[in-house]
């Protein structure tokens, strides 16, 4: 399932580069997003390297999910596609 990298997880004074908010295609509510918790997410760099992560929880009510990656994603990842397996 394809997903769009939406934003970093963060607050007013902090930003977590290894935790990203993803918006999966075709998922529009919280109940559908809960089924993705525990699945693996993969983001591919422009050079072809893969960064793996895991869906940890639902973010909000519109189907977004929070993913914890092995290492931080660069700012260029915002707006690009990731894959939820």
Protein backbone atom coordinates (compact mmCIF):
# COMPACT_ATOMS: atom_id res chain seq x y z
CA UNK A 1 0.00 0.00 0.00
CA UNK A 2 1.41 3.38 -0.95
CA UNK A 3 1.48 6.22 1.55
CA UNK A 4 2.51 9.86 1.41
CA UNK A 5 5.02 11.24 3.93
CA UNK A 6 3.12 14.09 5.53
CA UNK A 7 5.20 15.54 8.37
CA UNK A 8 7.57 14.94 11.26
CA UNK A 9 6.26 14.10 14.72
CA UNK A 10 6.97 17.09 16.89
CA UNK A 11 5.81 19.72 19.28
CA UNK A 12 6.42 23.43 19.79
CA UNK A 13 10.06 22.95 20.79
CA UNK A 14 11.02 19.50 19.51
CA UNK A 15 11.08 17.55 16.27
CA UNK A 16 11.65 13.80 15.99
CA UNK A 17 13.40 13.00 12.71
CA UNK A 18 12.91 9.24 13.10
CA UNK A 19 9.12 9.50 13.56
CA UNK A 20 7.03 10.50 10.59
CA UNK A 21 3.32 10.94 9.94
CA UNK A 22 2.16 9.04 6.86
CA UNK A 23 -1.14 9.26 5.00
CA UNK A 24 -1.94 5.88 3.39
CA UNK A 25 -3.86 5.88 0.11
CA UNK A 26 -7.48 4.80 0.44
CA UNK A 27 -7.55 5.10 4.24
CA UNK A 28 -9.93 7.82 5.37
CA UNK A 29 -10.91 6.96 8.94
CA UNK A 30 -9.43 5.87 12.24
CA UNK A 31 -10.86 2.34 12.14
CA UNK A 32 -9.15 1.54 8.83
CA UNK A 33 -5.87 3.05 10.03
CA UNK A 34 -5.90 0.88 13.18
CA UNK A 35 -5.55 -2.20 10.96
CA UNK A 36 -2.14 -0.93 9.78
CA UNK A 37 -0.60 -0.75 13.27
CA UNK A 38 2.33 -3.16 13.52
CA UNK A 39 3.03 -3.32 9.78
CA UNK A 40 6.36 -2.43 8.19
CA UNK A 41 6.90 0.81 6.28
CA UNK A 42 9.72 1.38 3.78
CA UNK A 43 10.94 4.69 2.35
CA UNK A 44 13.33 4.55 -0.61
CA UNK A 45 15.93 7.29 -1.07
CA UNK A 46 16.52 8.79 -4.52
CA UNK A 47 19.76 6.77 -4.72
CA UNK A 48 17.88 3.52 -4.02
CA UNK A 49 18.69 2.91 -0.33
CA UNK A 50 15.81 1.70 1.82
CA UNK A 51 14.96 2.94 5.32
CA UNK A 52 12.64 0.62 7.24
CA UNK A 53 10.15 1.56 9.92
CA UNK A 54 7.17 0.26 11.84
CA UNK A 55 3.66 1.71 12.12
CA UNK A 56 3.24 2.43 15.84
CA UNK A 57 -0.14 4.14 16.20
CA UNK A 58 -2.92 6.12 14.57
CA UNK A 59 -2.55 9.90 14.28
CA UNK A 60 -5.85 11.74 14.39
CA UNK A 61 -9.22 10.68 12.97
CA UNK A 62 -8.59 10.97 9.24
CA UNK A 63 -6.51 7.84 8.67
CA UNK A 64 -2.98 9.10 9.26
CA UNK A 65 -0.48 6.84 11.01
CA UNK A 66 2.72 7.43 12.97
CA UNK A 67 5.77 5.45 11.82
CA UNK A 68 9.03 5.00 13.74
CA UNK A 69 11.92 4.56 11.31
CA UNK A 70 15.30 2.95 12.05
CA UNK A 71 17.04 6.26 11.49
CA UNK A 72 15.85 9.76 10.74
CA UNK A 73 14.45 10.67 7.34
CA UNK A 74 15.80 13.75 5.56
CA UNK A 75 13.68 16.82 4.90
CA UNK A 76 13.54 15.85 1.21
CA UNK A 77 11.29 12.94 2.19
CA UNK A 78 8.34 15.25 2.93
CA UNK A 79 5.71 14.88 0.22
CA UNK A 80 7.28 11.74 -1.27
CA UNK A 81 5.88 8.23 -1.29
CA UNK A 82 6.57 5.39 1.11
CA UNK A 83 5.34 1.80 1.06
CA UNK A 84 3.41 0.07 3.86
CA UNK A 85 3.84 -3.70 3.55
